[in-house]
Protein backbone atom coordinates (compact mmCIF):
# COMPACT_ATOMS: atom_id res chain seq x y z
CA UNK A 1 0.05 -0.04 0.22
CA UNK A 2 1.08 3.42 -1.06
CA UNK A 3 2.04 5.81 2.47
CA UNK A 4 1.33 8.81 2.54
CA UNK A 5 5.13 10.02 2.79
CA UNK A 6 5.63 8.93 -0.41
CA UNK A 7 2.82 9.42 -2.54
CA UNK A 8 2.37 12.38 -4.99
CA UNK A 9 0.78 15.70 -3.30
CA UNK A 10 -2.92 15.20 -3.98
CA UNK A 11 -3.22 18.25 -6.23
CA UNK A 12 -0.95 16.32 -8.75
CA UNK A 13 -2.57 14.51 -11.70
CA UNK A 14 -1.60 13.04 -14.89
CA UNK A 15 -2.75 14.06 -17.95
CA UNK A 16 -4.18 12.11 -21.21
CA UNK A 17 -3.06 13.27 -24.56
CA UNK A 18 -5.94 15.21 -24.97
CA UNK A 19 -5.31 17.59 -22.28
CA UNK A 20 -8.03 16.79 -19.57
CA UNK A 21 -6.80 14.49 -16.46
CA UNK A 22 -6.50 11.26 -16.53
CA UNK A 23 -8.62 9.34 -13.99
CA UNK A 24 -6.77 6.07 -14.16
CA UNK A 25 -6.26 6.50 -10.12
CA UNK A 26 -9.75 7.05 -9.67
CA UNK A 27 -12.30 3.99 -8.54
CA UNK A 28 -16.13 4.57 -8.34
CA UNK A 29 -17.82 2.32 -5.83
CA UNK A 30 -21.28 1.57 -6.51
CA UNK A 31 -23.51 -0.33 -3.86
CA UNK A 32 -25.93 -2.28 -5.81
CA UNK A 33 -29.45 -4.35 -4.66
CA UNK A 34 -31.85 -4.92 -7.11
CA UNK A 35 -30.88 -2.43 -9.87
CA UNK A 36 -30.47 -4.81 -12.91
CA UNK A 37 -32.66 -2.98 -14.91
CA UNK A 38 -30.32 0.31 -15.20
CA UNK A 39 -27.33 -0.57 -13.77
CA UNK A 40 -25.32 -1.36 -17.01
CA UNK A 41 -26.28 1.58 -18.50
CA UNK A 42 -25.13 3.52 -15.32
CA UNK A 43 -21.51 1.80 -15.57
CA UNK A 44 -21.05 1.91 -19.45
CA UNK A 45 -21.55 5.89 -18.78
CA UNK A 46 -19.59 5.88 -16.21
CA UNK A 47 -16.67 4.08 -17.64
CA UNK A 48 -16.52 6.30 -20.59
CA UNK A 49 -14.70 8.70 -18.49
CA UNK A 50 -13.85 6.40 -15.35
CA UNK A 51 -11.99 2.75 -16.27
CA UNK A 52 -12.21 1.74 -12.83
CA UNK A 53 -15.70 0.70 -11.23
CA UNK A 54 -16.64 -1.65 -8.31
CA UNK A 55 -20.00 -2.93 -7.82
CA UNK A 56 -20.68 -4.36 -4.66
CA UNK A 57 -23.98 -6.50 -5.37
CA UNK A 58 -25.22 -6.60 -1.56
CA UNK A 59 -27.28 -10.04 -1.48
CA UNK A 60 -29.27 -8.79 -4.63
CA UNK A 61 -32.28 -11.15 -5.97
CA UNK A 62 -32.08 -9.90 -9.47
CA UNK A 63 -29.74 -10.57 -12.16
CA UNK A 64 -27.54 -7.14 -11.24
CA UNK A 65 -24.53 -8.43 -10.77
CA UNK A 66 -24.39 -10.40 -14.19
CA UNK A 67 -25.42 -7.04 -15.65
CA UNK A 68 -22.63 -5.05 -13.88
CA UNK A 69 -19.84 -7.44 -15.03
CA UNK A 70 -20.84 -7.36 -18.37
CA UNK A 71 -20.67 -3.72 -18.21
CA UNK A 72 -17.58 -3.79 -17.67
CA UNK A 73 -17.16 -3.61 -13.42
CA UNK A 74 -15.63 -5.45 -10.78
CA UNK A 75 -18.12 -6.96 -8.61
CA UNK A 76 -17.75 -8.15 -5.75
CA UNK A 77 -20.73 -10.38 -3.59
CA UNK A 78 -22.16 -9.81 0.15
CA UNK A 79 -24.04 -13.29 0.35
CA UNK A 80 -27.01 -11.35 2.27
CA UNK A 81 -28.18 -7.92 2.39
CA UNK A 82 -26.11 -6.17 4.92
CA UNK A 83 -27.04 -2.39 3.74
CA UNK A 84 -25.83 0.56 2.41
CA UNK A 85 -23.02 1.06 4.46
CA UNK A 86 -21.41 -2.65 4.68
CA UNK A 87 -21.23 -2.19 0.83
CA UNK A 88 -19.64 1.06 0.84
CA UNK A 89 -16.94 -0.44 3.51
CA UNK A 90 -16.26 -3.15 1.34
CA UNK A 91 -15.77 -1.17 -1.93
CA UNK A 92 -13.67 0.97 -0.19
CA UNK A 93 -11.56 -1.94 1.11
CA UNK A 94 -11.50 -3.31 -2.57
CA UNK A 95 -10.41 0.27 -3.68
CA UNK A 96 -7.44 0.01 -1.50
CA UNK A 97 -6.11 -2.99 -2.48
CA UNK A 98 -5.13 -1.58 -5.60
CA UNK A 99 -1.89 0.20 -5.42
CA UNK A 100 -2.65 2.99 -8.09
CA UNK A 101 -5.86 4.28 -6.33
CA UNK A 102 -5.55 7.99 -5.30
CA UNK A 103 -9.23 8.08 -5.08
CA UNK A 104 -12.38 6.84 -4.35
CA UNK A 105 -15.76 8.20 -5.48
CA UNK A 106 -19.27 6.86 -3.74
CA UNK A 107 -21.69 6.39 -6.67
CA UNK A 108 -25.30 5.30 -6.67
CA UNK A 109 -26.64 2.85 -8.91
CA UNK A 110 -29.85 4.14 -9.97
CA UNK A 111 -28.69 6.79 -12.28
CA UNK A 112 -29.18 9.73 -10.07
CA UNK A 113 -25.53 10.97 -10.33
CA UNK A 114 -23.85 12.60 -13.20
CA UNK A 115 -20.22 11.61 -13.98
CA UNK A 116 -19.64 15.18 -15.30
CA UNK A 117 -20.44 16.42 -11.71
CA UNK A 118 -17.38 13.87 -10.86
CA UNK A 119 -15.05 15.24 -12.99
CA UNK A 120 -15.68 18.87 -11.70
CA UNK A 121 -15.24 17.22 -8.00
CA UNK A 122 -12.08 15.79 -8.60
CA UNK A 123 -10.88 18.66 -10.19
CA UNK A 124 -11.57 20.59 -7.34
CA UNK A 125 -10.16 17.81 -4.92
CA UNK A 126 -7.22 17.99 -6.60
CA UNK A 127 -6.62 21.86 -7.27
CA UNK A 128 -7.51 23.22 -4.21
CA UNK A 129 -5.44 19.99 -2.21
CA UNK A 130 -8.78 18.75 -0.55
CA UNK A 131 -9.09 15.37 0.99
CA UNK A 132 -12.95 15.19 0.51
CA UNK A 133 -15.55 17.13 -1.41
CA UNK A 134 -19.06 16.34 -0.85
CA UNK A 135 -21.57 17.11 -3.76
CA UNK A 136 -24.37 18.97 -2.67
CA UNK A 137 -28.21 19.79 -4.18
CA UNK A 138 -28.26 22.83 -2.50
CA UNK A 139 -25.38 24.88 -4.16
CA UNK A 140 -27.56 25.23 -7.47
CA UNK A 141 -31.12 25.25 -8.69
CA UNK A 142 -30.23 22.00 -10.95
CA UNK A 143 -32.03 19.34 -8.58
CA UNK A 144 -35.74 19.60 -8.38
CA UNK A 145 -36.74 18.36 -4.87
CA UNK A 146 -39.95 19.16 -3.83
CA UNK A 147 -40.55 21.65 -0.55
CA UNK A 148 -40.89 19.03 2.28
CA UNK A 149 -38.25 17.09 0.83
CA UNK A 150 -35.48 19.59 1.06
CA UNK A 151 -36.76 20.72 4.57
CA UNK A 152 -36.48 17.46 6.03
CA UNK A 153 -32.93 16.99 4.26
CA UNK A 154 -32.17 20.31 5.63
CA UNK A 155 -33.65 19.45 8.92
CA UNK A 156 -31.25 16.20 8.65
CA UNK A 157 -28.12 18.35 7.67
CA UNK A 158 -28.45 20.89 10.79
CA UNK A 159 -28.75 17.79 12.80
CA UNK A 160 -25.45 16.02 11.29
CA UNK A 161 -23.78 19.74 11.24
CA UNK A 162 -24.22 20.01 15.16
CA UNK A 163 -23.49 16.55 15.87
CA UNK A 164 -20.39 15.87 13.81
CA UNK A 165 -19.03 19.77 14.19
CA UNK A 166 -18.89 20.06 10.47
CA UNK A 167 -20.31 22.38 8.41
CA UNK A 168 -21.99 21.06 5.22
CA UNK A 169 -24.98 22.07 2.63
CA UNK A 170 -26.27 18.40 2.08
CA UNK A 171 -24.42 15.79 4.23
CA UNK A 172 -26.57 13.01 2.71
CA UNK A 173 -25.77 12.93 -0.64
CA UNK A 174 -24.42 9.77 -1.85
CA UNK A 175 -21.96 11.17 -4.35
CA UNK A 176 -18.82 12.09 -2.54
CA UNK A 177 -15.01 12.06 -3.62
CA UNK A 178 -12.36 10.71 -0.86
CA UNK A 179 -8.48 10.67 -1.21
CA UNK A 180 -6.88 7.39 -0.32
CA UNK A 181 -5.98 8.42 3.42
CA UNK A 182 -9.11 9.11 4.11
CA UNK A 183 -10.50 6.08 2.58
CA UNK A 184 -7.72 4.05 4.28
CA UNK A 185 -9.21 5.38 7.76
CA UNK A 186 -12.80 5.39 7.40
CA UNK A 187 -14.61 2.31 9.35
CA UNK A 188 -18.61 2.51 8.35
CA UNK A 189 -20.45 0.33 11.14
CA UNK A 190 -23.88 1.78 10.39
CA UNK A 191 -25.53 -0.17 7.74
CA UNK A 192 -28.73 1.81 7.06
CA UNK A 193 -29.37 5.36 6.20
CA UNK A 194 -27.26 6.69 9.70
CA UNK A 195 -23.89 5.62 7.77
CA UNK A 196 -23.65 8.67 6.10
CA UNK A 197 -23.54 10.90 8.74
CA UNK A 198 -21.24 8.14 10.34
CA UNK A 199 -18.79 8.90 7.58
CA UNK A 200 -19.51 12.82 8.17
CA UNK A 201 -18.41 12.44 11.70
CA UNK A 202 -15.60 10.27 10.94
CA UNK A 203 -14.28 12.70 8.52
CA UNK A 204 -14.90 15.55 10.85
CA UNK A 205 -12.34 13.88 13.53
CA UNK A 206 -9.81 13.32 11.14
CA UNK A 207 -9.03 17.26 10.52
CA UNK A 208 -8.71 17.05 7.09
CA UNK A 209 -9.69 19.33 4.30
CA UNK A 210 -13.35 19.03 2.83
CA UNK A 211 -15.36 21.61 0.64
CA UNK A 212 -18.64 20.80 -0.89
CA UNK A 213 -19.43 21.12 -4.96
CA UNK A 214 -22.83 21.37 -6.85
CA UNK A 215 -24.46 18.78 -8.31
CA UNK A 216 -27.38 17.72 -10.13
CA UNK A 217 -29.18 14.74 -8.86
CA UNK A 218 -31.78 13.25 -11.16
CA UNK A 219 -34.96 12.21 -9.50
CA UNK A 220 -36.82 10.05 -12.21
CA UNK A 221 -39.85 7.50 -11.94
CA UNK A 222 -37.43 5.01 -11.63
CA UNK A 223 -35.13 6.42 -8.75
CA UNK A 224 -38.34 7.54 -6.62
CA UNK A 225 -39.81 4.11 -6.91
CA UNK A 226 -36.15 2.60 -5.40
CA UNK A 227 -36.17 4.81 -2.49
CA UNK A 228 -35.90 8.52 -3.44
CA UNK A 229 -39.25 9.72 -2.13
CA UNK A 230 -39.98 12.05 0.47
CA UNK A 231 -40.55 8.64 3.14
CA UNK A 232 -36.93 7.91 2.42
CA UNK A 233 -35.40 11.44 3.41
CA UNK A 234 -37.81 11.01 6.81
CA UNK A 235 -36.26 7.81 7.15
CA UNK A 236 -32.31 9.56 6.98
CA UNK A 237 -33.74 11.71 9.59
CA UNK A 238 -35.17 9.00 12.03
CA UNK A 239 -32.31 6.87 11.57
CA UNK A 240 -30.22 9.82 12.81
CA UNK A 241 -32.21 10.25 15.96
CA UNK A 242 -33.03 7.14 17.06
CA UNK A 243 -29.83 5.09 15.90
């Protein structure tokens, strides 16, 4: 494993001949649970910019793992459903096993995250020497979320900021960029929605440099049917307060 004293500075990035930053040092970590309908397209689109994708199949009952592998992802499987937090931790451990990995990106399987946003977040991390960049739905107006959903999510953000000592506008967005150093120190034990606040709390305790970047979360009929509804936001808040 590359140690912190012999790695290149965080702002360093090789370049392709086209002039855009290379992404060979980036691994997308995608938790997967019953997303066979869309996961192939999600991975094929992502791999146009990010060749390295690890999908953690968290006990799916459908053919999503096969679709992910056919689209070019590395697939690691949980024999039973353990929850998104556990899937992320497994994905981090796999990414850390790759010696050239310098950045891990948490990325959702249902098509709501945008690859272009990840490229912007990585550029911010590298140019500003940040260890973590959190995606935020609330830094611009591209994400269409209803008033009640925004209210519940912002309440959850306020609670997380108060309990973790961080200052974020969107603590429960699943799109994040994390440096190798941070990934190596993260230990997620919360497997339900509260894992996001646990991750924020651990990053806050590390004392590393972090920032936020505006992102467009694309809520579709499909993503809403898979848990991106108002009730899911309420569940996040409940998990925070009663974990």
